[in-house]
Amino acid sequence: MSDAIRAFLFEKMWVAAEPQTTLLNWSVHQMVFPTHEKVSRHLVGDTIGGSARITSEIKHFDPKNRIITTRSGRIYSLQGAAGTSDDSEFISRRWKQNYQVISDTDVTDEYVQAIRKFLH
């Protein structure tokens, strides 16, 4: 079995075990990867259980309900204000090193502004 197939199966099992979670201290980053300079957006934050996380690529954003769905199929509820934590910054730095991210732009404000439209 190839590494790509093994990674795909692991991701699907991981999502099946936790199909939905809530993130606190969340932020959204647009990243550029060396492979054909691919650009994608990723959610970074802390789960209610206290673990830091960076997600697979964002595929859908529902600002009214504060929901993000990622490439893996996992659904993230955004709770509270956007922000960051020491743990999520650490995980993000390690993840970016591992995936050789060329560029990281914080685009959180775009998401915050979209959510605010539904608060009034």
PDB file of N, CA and C in Angstrom:
ATOM      1  N   MET A   1       0.850  -1.181   0.000  1.00  0.00           N
ATOM      2  CA  MET A   1       0.000   0.000   0.000  1.00  0.00           C
ATOM      3  C   MET A   1       0.892   1.240   0.000  1.00  0.00           C
ATOM      4  N   SER A   2       0.583   2.173  -0.876  1.00  0.00           N
ATOM      5  CA  SER A   2       1.411   3.373  -0.975  1.00  0.00           C
ATOM      6  C   SER A   2       1.184   4.291   0.228  1.00  0.00           C
ATOM      7  N   ASP A   3       2.146   5.184   0.457  1.00  0.00           N
ATOM      8  CA  ASP A   3       2.022   6.154   1.560  1.00  0.00           C
ATOM      9  C   ASP A   3       0.810   7.060   1.357  1.00  0.00           C
ATOM     10  N   ALA A   4       0.523   7.423   0.102  1.00  0.00           N
ATOM     11  CA  ALA A   4      -0.618   8.305  -0.180  1.00  0.00           C
ATOM     12  C   ALA A   4      -1.932   7.620   0.181  1.00  0.00           C
ATOM     13  N   ILE A   5      -2.065   6.355  -0.150  1.00  0.00           N
ATOM     14  CA  ILE A   5      -3.285   5.608   0.188  1.00  0.00           C
ATOM     15  C   ILE A   5      -3.389   5.428   1.697  1.00  0.00           C
ATOM     16  N   ARG A   6      -2.285   5.117   2.330  1.00  0.00           N
ATOM     17  CA  ARG A   6      -2.258   4.959   3.788  1.00  0.00           C
ATOM     18  C   ARG A   6      -2.680   6.264   4.482  1.00  0.00           C
ATOM     19  N   ALA A   7      -2.171   7.404   4.003  1.00  0.00           N
ATOM     20  CA  ALA A   7      -2.522   8.707   4.576  1.00  0.00           C
ATOM     21  C   ALA A   7      -4.000   9.012   4.355  1.00  0.00           C
ATOM     22  N   PHE A   8      -4.519   8.692   3.179  1.00  0.00           N
ATOM     23  CA  PHE A   8      -5.928   8.911   2.879  1.00  0.00           C
ATOM     24  C   PHE A   8      -6.816   8.098   3.820  1.00  0.00           C
ATOM     25  N   LEU A   9      -6.502   6.836   3.993  1.00  0.00           N
ATOM     26  CA  LEU A   9      -7.298   5.974   4.877  1.00  0.00           C
ATOM     27  C   LEU A   9      -7.220   6.433   6.328  1.00  0.00           C
ATOM     28  N   PHE A  10      -6.042   6.839   6.774  1.00  0.00           N
ATOM     29  CA  PHE A  10      -5.878   7.342   8.136  1.00  0.00           C
ATOM     30  C   PHE A  10      -6.735   8.590   8.351  1.00  0.00           C
ATOM     31  N   GLU A  11      -6.712   9.496   7.370  1.00  0.00           N
ATOM     32  CA  GLU A  11      -7.499  10.731   7.477  1.00  0.00           C
ATOM     33  C   GLU A  11      -8.984  10.406   7.586  1.00  0.00           C
ATOM     34  N   LYS A  12      -9.476   9.480   6.774  1.00  0.00           N
ATOM     35  CA  LYS A  12     -10.893   9.124   6.796  1.00  0.00           C
ATOM     36  C   LYS A  12     -11.279   8.491   8.133  1.00  0.00           C
ATOM     37  N   MET A  13     -10.420   7.652   8.690  1.00  0.00           N
ATOM     38  CA  MET A  13     -10.708   7.045   9.992  1.00  0.00           C
ATOM     39  C   MET A  13     -10.715   8.108  11.081  1.00  0.00           C
ATOM     40  N   TRP A  14      -9.790   9.044  11.011  1.00  0.00           N
ATOM     41  CA  TRP A  14      -9.682  10.117  12.001  1.00  0.00           C
ATOM     42  C   TRP A  14     -10.937  10.990  11.972  1.00  0.00           C
ATOM     43  N   VAL A  15     -11.419  11.325  10.783  1.00  0.00           N
ATOM     44  CA  VAL A  15     -12.624  12.143  10.647  1.00  0.00           C
ATOM     45  C   VAL A  15     -13.848  11.365  11.124  1.00  0.00           C
ATOM     46  N   ALA A  16     -13.918  10.078  10.823  1.00  0.00           N
ATOM     47  CA  ALA A  16     -15.048   9.260  11.270  1.00  0.00           C
ATOM     48  C   ALA A  16     -15.122   9.228  12.795  1.00  0.00           C
ATOM     49  N   ALA A  17     -13.970   9.237  13.449  1.00  0.00           N
ATOM     50  CA  ALA A  17     -13.935   9.219  14.913  1.00  0.00           C
ATOM     51  C   ALA A  17     -14.363  10.558  15.507  1.00  0.00           C
ATOM     52  N   GLU A  18     -14.154  11.650  14.767  1.00  0.00           N
ATOM     53  CA  GLU A  18     -14.524  12.993  15.232  1.00  0.00           C
ATOM     54  C   GLU A  18     -14.987  13.809  14.020  1.00  0.00           C
ATOM     55  N   PRO A  19     -16.230  13.620  13.588  1.00  0.00           N
ATOM     56  CA  PRO A  19     -16.700  14.299  12.380  1.00  0.00           C
ATOM     57  C   PRO A  19     -16.936  15.798  12.549  1.00  0.00           C
ATOM     58  N   GLN A  20     -17.107  16.242  13.788  1.00  0.00           N
ATOM     59  CA  GLN A  20     -17.361  17.655  14.040  1.00  0.00           C
ATOM     60  C   GLN A  20     -16.687  18.054  15.346  1.00  0.00           C
ATOM     61  N   THR A  21     -16.142  19.273  15.370  1.00  0.00           N
ATOM     62  CA  THR A  21     -15.536  19.793  16.589  1.00  0.00           C
ATOM     63  C   THR A  21     -15.661  21.310  16.612  1.00  0.00           C
ATOM     64  N   THR A  22     -15.429  21.876  17.773  1.00  0.00           N
ATOM     65  CA  THR A  22     -15.505  23.321  17.960  1.00  0.00           C
ATOM     66  C   THR A  22     -14.117  23.870  18.205  1.00  0.00           C
ATOM     67  N   LEU A  23     -13.815  24.995  17.563  1.00  0.00           N
ATOM     68  CA  LEU A  23     -12.519  25.634  17.765  1.00  0.00           C
ATOM     69  C   LEU A  23     -12.680  26.978  18.455  1.00  0.00           C
ATOM     70  N   LEU A  24     -11.784  27.227  19.387  1.00  0.00           N
ATOM     71  CA  LEU A  24     -11.651  28.506  20.077  1.00  0.00           C
ATOM     72  C   LEU A  24     -10.348  29.141  19.599  1.00  0.00           C
ATOM     73  N   ASN A  25     -10.164  30.427  19.872  1.00  0.00           N
ATOM     74  CA  ASN A  25      -8.908  31.095  19.488  1.00  0.00           C
ATOM     75  C   ASN A  25      -8.532  30.750  18.049  1.00  0.00           C
ATOM     76  N   TRP A  26      -9.484  30.880  17.174  1.00  0.00           N
ATOM     77  CA  TRP A  26      -9.302  30.435  15.794  1.00  0.00           C
ATOM     78  C   TRP A  26      -8.774  31.550  14.889  1.00  0.00           C
ATOM     79  N   SER A  27      -8.116  31.132  13.830  1.00  0.00           N
ATOM     80  CA  SER A  27      -7.640  32.045  12.796  1.00  0.00           C
ATOM     81  C   SER A  27      -7.592  31.283  11.476  1.00  0.00           C
ATOM     82  N   VAL A  28      -7.552  32.023  10.376  1.00  0.00           N
ATOM     83  CA  VAL A  28      -7.500  31.407   9.052  1.00  0.00           C
ATOM     84  C   VAL A  28      -6.272  31.937   8.335  1.00  0.00           C
ATOM     85  N   HIS A  29      -5.515  31.019   7.743  1.00  0.00           N
ATOM     86  CA  HIS A  29      -4.266  31.375   7.066  1.00  0.00           C
ATOM     87  C   HIS A  29      -4.277  30.876   5.632  1.00  0.00           C
ATOM     88  N   GLN A  30      -3.864  31.755   4.731  1.00  0.00           N
ATOM     89  CA  GLN A  30      -3.682  31.371   3.335  1.00  0.00           C
ATOM     90  C   GLN A  30      -2.217  31.017   3.151  1.00  0.00           C
ATOM     91  N   MET A  31      -1.980  29.800   2.684  1.00  0.00           N
ATOM     92  CA  MET A  31      -0.610  29.314   2.573  1.00  0.00           C
ATOM     93  C   MET A  31      -0.277  28.924   1.143  1.00  0.00           C
ATOM     94  N   VAL A  32       0.978  29.131   0.817  1.00  0.00           N
ATOM     95  CA  VAL A  32       1.494  28.759  -0.499  1.00  0.00           C
ATOM     96  C   VAL A  32       2.481  27.617  -0.274  1.00  0.00           C
ATOM     97  N   PHE A  33       2.310  26.557  -1.057  1.00  0.00           N
ATOM     98  CA  PHE A  33       3.148  25.364  -0.951  1.00  0.00           C
ATOM     99  C   PHE A  33       4.065  25.258  -2.160  1.00  0.00           C
ATOM    100  N   PRO A  34       5.202  24.598  -2.016  1.00  0.00           N
ATOM    101  CA  PRO A  34       6.175  24.539  -3.117  1.00  0.00           C
ATOM    102  C   PRO A  34       5.691  23.757  -4.338  1.00  0.00           C
ATOM    103  N   THR A  35       4.804  22.800  -4.159  1.00  0.00           N
ATOM    104  CA  THR A  35       4.324  22.017  -5.282  1.00  0.00           C
ATOM    105  C   THR A  35       3.445  22.887  -6.171  1.00  0.00           C
ATOM    106  N   HIS A  36       3.969  23.301  -7.274  1.00  0.00           N
ATOM    107  CA  HIS A  36       3.268  24.144  -8.241  1.00  0.00           C
ATOM    108  C   HIS A  36       2.726  25.420  -7.586  1.00  0.00           C
ATOM    109  N   GLU A  37       3.368  25.843  -6.502  1.00  0.00           N
ATOM    110  CA  GLU A  37       2.947  27.027  -5.756  1.00  0.00           C
ATOM    111  C   GLU A  37       1.446  26.999  -5.467  1.00  0.00           C
ATOM    112  N   LYS A  38       0.973  25.836  -5.030  1.00  0.00           N
ATOM    113  CA  LYS A  38      -0.435  25.645  -4.667  1.00  0.00           C
ATOM    114  C   LYS A  38      -0.794  26.554  -3.490  1.00  0.00           C
ATOM    115  N   VAL A  39      -1.960  27.186  -3.566  1.00  0.00           N
ATOM    116  CA  VAL A  39      -2.441  28.081  -2.515  1.00  0.00           C
ATOM    117  C   VAL A  39      -3.691  27.468  -1.902  1.00  0.00           C
ATOM    118  N   SER A  40      -3.748  27.439  -0.570  1.00  0.00           N
ATOM    119  CA  SER A  40      -4.944  26.960   0.115  1.00  0.00           C
ATOM    120  C   SER A  40      -5.073  27.652   1.460  1.00  0.00           C
ATOM    121  N   ARG A  41      -6.286  27.593   2.000  1.00  0.00           N
ATOM    122  CA  ARG A  41      -6.564  28.214   3.289  1.00  0.00           C
ATOM    123  C   ARG A  41      -6.803  27.139   4.337  1.00  0.00           C
ATOM    124  N   HIS A  42      -6.294  27.422   5.552  1.00  0.00           N
ATOM    125  CA  HIS A  42      -6.364  26.457   6.645  1.00  0.00           C
ATOM    126  C   HIS A  42      -6.788  27.153   7.925  1.00  0.00           C
ATOM    127  N   LEU A  43      -7.576  26.450   8.703  1.00  0.00           N
ATOM    128  CA  LEU A  43      -8.055  26.933   9.987  1.00  0.00           C
ATOM    129  C   LEU A  43      -7.084  26.481  11.070  1.00  0.00           C
ATOM    130  N   VAL A  44      -6.741  27.396  11.968  1.00  0.00           N
ATOM    131  CA  VAL A  44      -5.834  27.101  13.078  1.00  0.00           C
ATOM    132  C   VAL A  44      -6.564  27.479  14.360  1.00  0.00           C
ATOM    133  N   GLY A  45      -6.487  26.646  15.381  1.00  0.00           N
ATOM    134  CA  GLY A  45      -7.145  26.997  16.635  1.00  0.00           C
ATOM    135  C   GLY A  45      -7.003  25.918  17.689  1.00  0.00           C
ATOM    136  N   ASP A  46      -7.762  26.085  18.760  1.00  0.00           N
ATOM    137  CA  ASP A  46      -7.750  25.157  19.887  1.00  0.00           C
ATOM    138  C   ASP A  46      -9.111  24.490  20.004  1.00  0.00           C
ATOM    139  N   THR A  47      -9.112  23.177  20.165  1.00  0.00           N
ATOM    140  CA  THR A  47     -10.371  22.470  20.370  1.00  0.00           C
ATOM    141  C   THR A  47     -10.860  22.729  21.797  1.00  0.00           C
ATOM    142  N   ILE A  48     -12.131  22.470  22.017  1.00  0.00           N
ATOM    143  CA  ILE A  48     -12.689  22.617  23.359  1.00  0.00           C
ATOM    144  C   ILE A  48     -11.951  21.701  24.334  1.00  0.00           C
ATOM    145  N   GLY A  49     -11.460  20.565  23.824  1.00  0.00           N
ATOM    146  CA  GLY A  49     -10.703  19.627  24.651  1.00  0.00           C
ATOM    147  C   GLY A  49      -9.311  20.111  25.013  1.00  0.00           C
ATOM    148  N   GLY A  50      -8.901  21.222  24.412  1.00  0.00           N
ATOM    149  CA  GLY A  50      -7.626  21.821  24.772  1.00  0.00           C
ATOM    150  C   GLY A  50      -6.457  21.531  23.860  1.00  0.00           C
ATOM    151  N   SER A  51      -6.685  20.808  22.766  1.00  0.00           N
ATOM    152  CA  SER A  51      -5.564  20.531  21.870  1.00  0.00           C
ATOM    153  C   SER A  51      -5.557  21.519  20.711  1.00  0.00           C
ATOM    154  N   ALA A  52      -4.369  21.914  20.303  1.00  0.00           N
ATOM    155  CA  ALA A  52      -4.218  22.821  19.173  1.00  0.00           C
ATOM    156  C   ALA A  52      -4.334  22.028  17.878  1.00  0.00           C
ATOM    157  N   ARG A  53      -4.809  22.711  16.829  1.00  0.00           N
ATOM    158  CA  ARG A  53      -5.037  22.015  15.570  1.00  0.00           C
ATOM    159  C   ARG A  53      -4.862  22.959  14.394  1.00  0.00           C
ATOM    160  N   ILE A  54      -4.353  22.398  13.300  1.00  0.00           N
ATOM    161  CA  ILE A  54      -4.390  23.065  11.997  1.00  0.00           C
ATOM    162  C   ILE A  54      -5.096  22.095  11.064  1.00  0.00           C
ATOM    163  N   THR A  55      -6.017  22.613  10.280  1.00  0.00           N
ATOM    164  CA  THR A  55      -6.892  21.739   9.503  1.00  0.00           C
ATOM    165  C   THR A  55      -6.369  21.498   8.093  1.00  0.00           C
ATOM    166  N   SER A  56      -7.010  20.534   7.451  1.00  0.00           N
ATOM    167  CA  SER A  56      -6.801  20.382   6.018  1.00  0.00           C
ATOM    168  C   SER A  56      -7.426  21.598   5.329  1.00  0.00           C
ATOM    169  N   GLU A  57      -7.306  21.673   4.050  1.00  0.00           N
ATOM    170  CA  GLU A  57      -7.765  22.827   3.282  1.00  0.00           C
ATOM    171  C   GLU A  57      -9.255  23.128   3.516  1.00  0.00           C
ATOM    172  N   ILE A  58      -9.571  24.401   3.674  1.00  0.00           N
ATOM    173  CA  ILE A  58     -10.964  24.833   3.820  1.00  0.00           C
ATOM    174  C   ILE A  58     -11.670  24.682   2.476  1.00  0.00           C
ATOM    175  N   LYS A  59     -12.828  24.034   2.515  1.00  0.00           N
ATOM    176  CA  LYS A  59     -13.612  23.846   1.289  1.00  0.00           C
ATOM    177  C   LYS A  59     -14.905  24.648   1.302  1.00  0.00           C
ATOM    178  N   HIS A  60     -15.467  24.912   2.490  1.00  0.00           N
ATOM    179  CA  HIS A  60     -16.723  25.659   2.560  1.00  0.00           C
ATOM    180  C   HIS A  60     -16.776  26.463   3.848  1.00  0.00           C
ATOM    181  N   PHE A  61     -17.290  27.683   3.729  1.00  0.00           N
ATOM    182  CA  PHE A  61     -17.444  28.563   4.884  1.00  0.00           C
ATOM    183  C   PHE A  61     -18.879  29.057   4.941  1.00  0.00           C
ATOM    184  N   ASP A  62     -19.541  28.826   6.062  1.00  0.00           N
ATOM    185  CA  ASP A  62     -20.903  29.293   6.310  1.00  0.00           C
ATOM    186  C   ASP A  62     -20.830  30.356   7.401  1.00  0.00           C
ATOM    187  N   PRO A  63     -20.731  31.632   7.009  1.00  0.00           N
ATOM    188  CA  PRO A  63     -20.552  32.691   8.006  1.00  0.00           C
ATOM    189  C   PRO A  63     -21.748  32.876   8.928  1.00  0.00           C
ATOM    190  N   LYS A  64     -22.948  32.631   8.429  1.00  0.00           N
ATOM    191  CA  LYS A  64     -24.147  32.795   9.251  1.00  0.00           C
ATOM    192  C   LYS A  64     -24.118  31.868  10.460  1.00  0.00           C
ATOM    193  N   ASN A  65     -23.698  30.624  10.247  1.00  0.00           N
ATOM    194  CA  ASN A  65     -23.671  29.630  11.318  1.00  0.00           C
ATOM    195  C   ASN A  65     -22.282  29.409  11.906  1.00  0.00           C
ATOM    196  N   ARG A  66     -21.305  30.165  11.407  1.00  0.00           N
ATOM    197  CA  ARG A  66     -19.920  30.087  11.880  1.00  0.00           C
ATOM    198  C   ARG A  66     -19.369  28.657  11.762  1.00  0.00           C
ATOM    199  N   ILE A  67     -19.541  28.095  10.570  1.00  0.00           N
ATOM    200  CA  ILE A  67     -19.141  26.717  10.303  1.00  0.00           C
ATOM    201  C   ILE A  67     -18.153  26.689   9.139  1.00  0.00           C
ATOM    202  N   ILE A  68     -17.096  25.915   9.303  1.00  0.00           N
ATOM    203  CA  ILE A  68     -16.136  25.671   8.218  1.00  0.00           C
ATOM    204  C   ILE A  68     -16.048  24.167   8.000  1.00  0.00           C
ATOM    205  N   THR A  69     -16.109  23.762   6.732  1.00  0.00           N
ATOM    206  CA  THR A  69     -15.928  22.365   6.359  1.00  0.00           C
ATOM    207  C   THR A  69     -14.611  22.264   5.599  1.00  0.00           C
ATOM    208  N   THR A  70     -13.816  21.271   5.960  1.00  0.00           N
ATOM    209  CA  THR A  70     -12.502  21.119   5.335  1.00  0.00           C
ATOM    210  C   THR A  70     -12.491  19.982   4.312  1.00  0.00           C
ATOM    211  N   ARG A  71     -11.386  19.897   3.581  1.00  0.00           N
ATOM    212  CA  ARG A  71     -11.226  18.862   2.552  1.00  0.00           C
ATOM    213  C   ARG A  71     -11.458  17.472   3.118  1.00  0.00           C
ATOM    214  N   SER A  72     -11.077  17.243   4.354  1.00  0.00           N
ATOM    215  CA  SER A  72     -11.251  15.927   4.970  1.00  0.00           C
ATOM    216  C   SER A  72     -12.713  15.597   5.220  1.00  0.00           C
ATOM    217  N   GLY A  73     -13.574  16.623   5.198  1.00  0.00           N
ATOM    218  CA  GLY A  73     -14.986  16.417   5.486  1.00  0.00           C
ATOM    219  C   GLY A  73     -15.366  16.779   6.914  1.00  0.00           C
ATOM    220  N   ARG A  74     -14.374  17.093   7.734  1.00  0.00           N
ATOM    221  CA  ARG A  74     -14.665  17.479   9.114  1.00  0.00           C
ATOM    222  C   ARG A  74     -15.314  18.852   9.140  1.00  0.00           C
ATOM    223  N   ILE A  75     -16.232  19.025  10.075  1.00  0.00           N
ATOM    224  CA  ILE A  75     -16.968  20.275  10.245  1.00  0.00           C
ATOM    225  C   ILE A  75     -16.487  20.943  11.524  1.00  0.00           C
ATOM    226  N   TYR A  76     -16.103  22.215  11.390  1.00  0.00           N
ATOM    227  CA  TYR A  76     -15.609  22.993  12.528  1.00  0.00           C
ATOM    228  C   TYR A  76     -16.566  24.129  12.844  1.00  0.00           C
ATOM    229  N   SER A  77     -16.992  24.214  14.101  1.00  0.00           N
ATOM    230  CA  SER A  77     -17.783  25.341  14.584  1.00  0.00           C
ATOM    231  C   SER A  77     -16.809  26.343  15.189  1.00  0.00           C
ATOM    232  N   LEU A  78     -16.963  27.600  14.811  1.00  0.00           N
ATOM    233  CA  LEU A  78     -16.083  28.655  15.326  1.00  0.00           C
ATOM    234  C   LEU A  78     -16.764  29.286  16.530  1.00  0.00           C
ATOM    235  N   GLN A  79     -16.124  29.190  17.683  1.00  0.00           N
ATOM    236  CA  GLN A  79     -16.704  29.726  18.908  1.00  0.00           C
ATOM    237  C   GLN A  79     -15.881  30.905  19.410  1.00  0.00           C
ATOM    238  N   GLY A  80     -16.585  31.942  19.846  1.00  0.00           N
ATOM    239  CA  GLY A  80     -15.900  33.096  20.404  1.00  0.00           C
ATOM    240  C   GLY A  80     -15.197  33.919  19.350  1.00  0.00           C
ATOM    241  N   ALA A  81     -14.369  34.815  19.842  1.00  0.00           N
ATOM    242  CA  ALA A  81     -13.632  35.719  18.961  1.00  0.00           C
ATOM    243  C   ALA A  81     -12.457  34.998  18.301  1.00  0.00           C
ATOM    244  N   ALA A  82     -12.072  35.513  17.148  1.00  0.00           N
ATOM    245  CA  ALA A  82     -10.863  35.012  16.497  1.00  0.00           C
ATOM    246  C   ALA A  82      -9.675  35.339  17.398  1.00  0.00           C
ATOM    247  N   GLY A  83      -8.639  34.545  17.304  1.00  0.00           N
ATOM    248  CA  GLY A  83      -7.464  34.789  18.127  1.00  0.00           C
ATOM    249  C   GLY A  83      -6.429  33.710  17.903  1.00  0.00           C
ATOM    250  N   THR A  84      -5.552  33.582  18.862  1.00  0.00           N
ATOM    251  CA  THR A  84      -4.478  32.592  18.772  1.00  0.00           C
ATOM    252  C   THR A  84      -4.079  32.168  20.175  1.00  0.00           C
ATOM    253  N   SER A  85      -3.276  31.138  20.248  1.00  0.00           N
ATOM    254  CA  SER A  85      -2.732  30.677  21.522  1.00  0.00           C
ATOM    255  C   SER A  85      -1.300  30.221  21.285  1.00  0.00           C
ATOM    256  N   ASP A  86      -0.554  30.093  22.363  1.00  0.00           N
ATOM    257  CA  ASP A  86       0.819  29.600  22.231  1.00  0.00           C
ATOM    258  C   ASP A  86       0.839  28.218  21.596  1.00  0.00           C
ATOM    259  N   ASP A  87      -0.100  27.352  22.011  1.00  0.00           N
ATOM    260  CA  ASP A  87      -0.141  25.990  21.469  1.00  0.00           C
ATOM    261  C   ASP A  87      -0.448  25.976  19.975  1.00  0.00           C
ATOM    262  N   SER A  88      -1.447  26.773  19.558  1.00  0.00           N
ATOM    263  CA  SER A  88      -1.798  26.761  18.137  1.00  0.00           C
ATOM    264  C   SER A  88      -0.691  27.392  17.293  1.00  0.00           C
ATOM    265  N   GLU A  89      -0.001  28.394  17.822  1.00  0.00           N
ATOM    266  CA  GLU A  89       1.132  28.970  17.091  1.00  0.00           C
ATOM    267  C   GLU A  89       2.250  27.955  16.940  1.00  0.00           C
ATOM    268  N   PHE A  90       2.512  27.183  17.994  1.00  0.00           N
ATOM    269  CA  PHE A  90       3.545  26.152  17.944  1.00  0.00           C
ATOM    270  C   PHE A  90       3.201  25.086  16.902  1.00  0.00           C
ATOM    271  N   ILE A  91       1.956  24.588  16.957  1.00  0.00           N
ATOM    272  CA  ILE A  91       1.526  23.559  16.007  1.00  0.00           C
ATOM    273  C   ILE A  91       1.600  24.091  14.574  1.00  0.00           C
ATOM    274  N   SER A  92       1.184  25.328  14.386  1.00  0.00           N
ATOM    275  CA  SER A  92       1.211  25.934  13.061  1.00  0.00           C
ATOM    276  C   SER A  92       2.641  26.032  12.524  1.00  0.00           C
ATOM    277  N   ARG A  93       3.568  26.475  13.359  1.00  0.00           N
ATOM    278  CA  ARG A  93       4.981  26.578  12.926  1.00  0.00           C
ATOM    279  C   ARG A  93       5.523  25.208  12.509  1.00  0.00           C
ATOM    280  N   ARG A  94       5.257  24.201  13.331  1.00  0.00           N
ATOM    281  CA  ARG A  94       5.746  22.845  13.019  1.00  0.00           C
ATOM    282  C   ARG A  94       5.117  22.305  11.735  1.00  0.00           C
ATOM    283  N   TRP A  95       3.816  22.518  11.589  1.00  0.00           N
ATOM    284  CA  TRP A  95       3.092  22.043  10.413  1.00  0.00           C
ATOM    285  C   TRP A  95       3.642  22.698   9.152  1.00  0.00           C
ATOM    286  N   LYS A  96       3.875  24.024   9.226  1.00  0.00           N
ATOM    287  CA  LYS A  96       4.405  24.749   8.060  1.00  0.00           C
ATOM    288  C   LYS A  96       5.811  24.269   7.700  1.00  0.00           C
ATOM    289  N   GLN A  97       6.629  23.965   8.687  1.00  0.00           N
ATOM    290  CA  GLN A  97       7.959  23.411   8.406  1.00  0.00           C
ATOM    291  C   GLN A  97       7.824  22.057   7.717  1.00  0.00           C
ATOM    292  N   ASN A  98       6.952  21.220   8.247  1.00  0.00           N
ATOM    293  CA  ASN A  98       6.767  19.870   7.716  1.00  0.00           C
ATOM    294  C   ASN A  98       6.290  19.896   6.261  1.00  0.00           C
ATOM    295  N   TYR A  99       5.397  20.820   5.950  1.00  0.00           N
ATOM    296  CA  TYR A  99       4.847  20.911   4.597  1.00  0.00           C
ATOM    297  C   TYR A  99       5.555  21.948   3.733  1.00  0.00           C
ATOM    298  N   GLN A 100       6.658  22.488   4.221  1.00  0.00           N
ATOM    299  CA  GLN A 100       7.508  23.414   3.472  1.00  0.00           C
ATOM    300  C   GLN A 100       6.718  24.600   2.904  1.00  0.00           C
ATOM    301  N   VAL A 101       5.889  25.192   3.746  1.00  0.00           N
ATOM    302  CA  VAL A 101       5.083  26.332   3.321  1.00  0.00           C
ATOM    303  C   VAL A 101       6.003  27.493   2.939  1.00  0.00           C
ATOM    304  N   ILE A 102       5.770  28.064   1.766  1.00  0.00           N
ATOM    305  CA  ILE A 102       6.582  29.161   1.241  1.00  0.00           C
ATOM    306  C   ILE A 102       6.123  30.492   1.819  1.00  0.00           C
ATOM    307  N   SER A 103       4.797  30.634   1.960  1.00  0.00           N
ATOM    308  CA  SER A 103       4.224  31.898   2.407  1.00  0.00           C
ATOM    309  C   SER A 103       2.981  31.628   3.249  1.00  0.00           C
ATOM    310  N   ASP A 104       2.777  32.436   4.287  1.00  0.00           N
ATOM    311  CA  ASP A 104       1.616  32.320   5.169  1.00  0.00           C
ATOM    312  C   ASP A 104       1.050  33.718   5.398  1.00  0.00           C
ATOM    313  N   THR A 105      -0.184  33.922   4.957  1.00  0.00           N
ATOM    314  CA  THR A 105      -0.847  35.206   5.140  1.00  0.00           C
ATOM    315  C   THR A 105      -2.071  35.005   6.019  1.00  0.00           C
ATOM    316  N   ASP A 106      -2.163  35.783   7.095  1.00  0.00           N
ATOM    317  CA  ASP A 106      -3.313  35.704   7.986  1.00  0.00           C
ATOM    318  C   ASP A 106      -4.494  36.409   7.313  1.00  0.00           C
ATOM    319  N   VAL A 107      -5.543  35.651   6.988  1.00  0.00           N
ATOM    320  CA  VAL A 107      -6.723  36.203   6.315  1.00  0.00           C
ATOM    321  C   VAL A 107      -7.951  36.140   7.229  1.00  0.00           C
ATOM    322  N   THR A 108      -7.710  36.016   8.518  1.00  0.00           N
ATOM    323  CA  THR A 108      -8.785  35.885   9.502  1.00  0.00           C
ATOM    324  C   THR A 108      -9.802  37.003   9.396  1.00  0.00           C
ATOM    325  N   ASP A 109      -9.340  38.218   9.174  1.00  0.00           N
ATOM    326  CA  ASP A 109     -10.254  39.360   9.155  1.00  0.00           C
ATOM    327  C   ASP A 109     -11.346  39.218   8.094  1.00  0.00           C
ATOM    328  N   GLU A 110     -11.054  38.576   6.969  1.00  0.00           N
ATOM    329  CA  GLU A 110     -12.078  38.343   5.942  1.00  0.00           C
ATOM    330  C   GLU A 110     -13.225  37.514   6.518  1.00  0.00           C
ATOM    331  N   TYR A 111     -12.886  36.520   7.313  1.00  0.00           N
ATOM    332  CA  TYR A 111     -13.880  35.628   7.904  1.00  0.00           C
ATOM    333  C   TYR A 111     -14.641  36.337   9.026  1.00  0.00           C
ATOM    334  N   VAL A 112     -13.930  37.118   9.818  1.00  0.00           N
ATOM    335  CA  VAL A 112     -14.565  37.888  10.896  1.00  0.00           C
ATOM    336  C   VAL A 112     -15.571  38.867  10.309  1.00  0.00           C
ATOM    337  N   GLN A 113     -15.196  39.557   9.236  1.00  0.00           N
ATOM    338  CA  GLN A 113     -16.096  40.522   8.601  1.00  0.00           C
ATOM    339  C   GLN A 113     -17.342  39.831   8.037  1.00  0.00           C
ATOM    340  N   ALA A 114     -17.166  38.670   7.455  1.00  0.00           N
ATOM    341  CA  ALA A 114     -18.307  37.928   6.906  1.00  0.00           C
ATOM    342  C   ALA A 114     -19.259  37.496   8.033  1.00  0.00           C
ATOM    343  N   ILE A 115     -18.717  37.071   9.157  1.00  0.00           N
ATOM    344  CA  ILE A 115     -19.547  36.672  10.304  1.00  0.00           C
ATOM    345  C   ILE A 115     -20.284  37.883  10.862  1.00  0.00           C
ATOM    346  N   ARG A 116     -19.608  39.009  10.958  1.00  0.00           N
ATOM    347  CA  ARG A 116     -20.221  40.234  11.508  1.00  0.00           C
ATOM    348  C   ARG A 116     -21.451  40.676  10.728  1.00  0.00           C
ATOM    349  N   LYS A 117     -21.505  40.403   9.447  1.00  0.00           N
ATOM    350  CA  LYS A 117     -22.657  40.786   8.632  1.00  0.00           C
ATOM    351  C   LYS A 117     -23.944  40.144   9.158  1.00  0.00           C
ATOM    352  N   PHE A 118     -23.810  39.008   9.832  1.00  0.00           N
ATOM    353  CA  PHE A 118     -24.980  38.294  10.341  1.00  0.00           C
ATOM    354  C   PHE A 118     -25.276  38.600  11.794  1.00  0.00           C
ATOM    355  N   LEU A 119     -24.461  39.418  12.421  1.00  0.00           N
ATOM    356  CA  LEU A 119     -24.663  39.751  13.842  1.00  0.00           C
ATOM    357  C   LEU A 119     -25.590  40.950  14.033  1.00  0.00           C
ATOM    358  N   HIS A 120     -25.813  41.709  12.989  1.00  0.00           N
ATOM    359  CA  HIS A 120     -26.628  42.925  13.127  1.00  0.00           C
ATOM    360  C   HIS A 120     -28.012  42.739  12.577  1.00  0.00           C
TER     361      HIS A 120
END
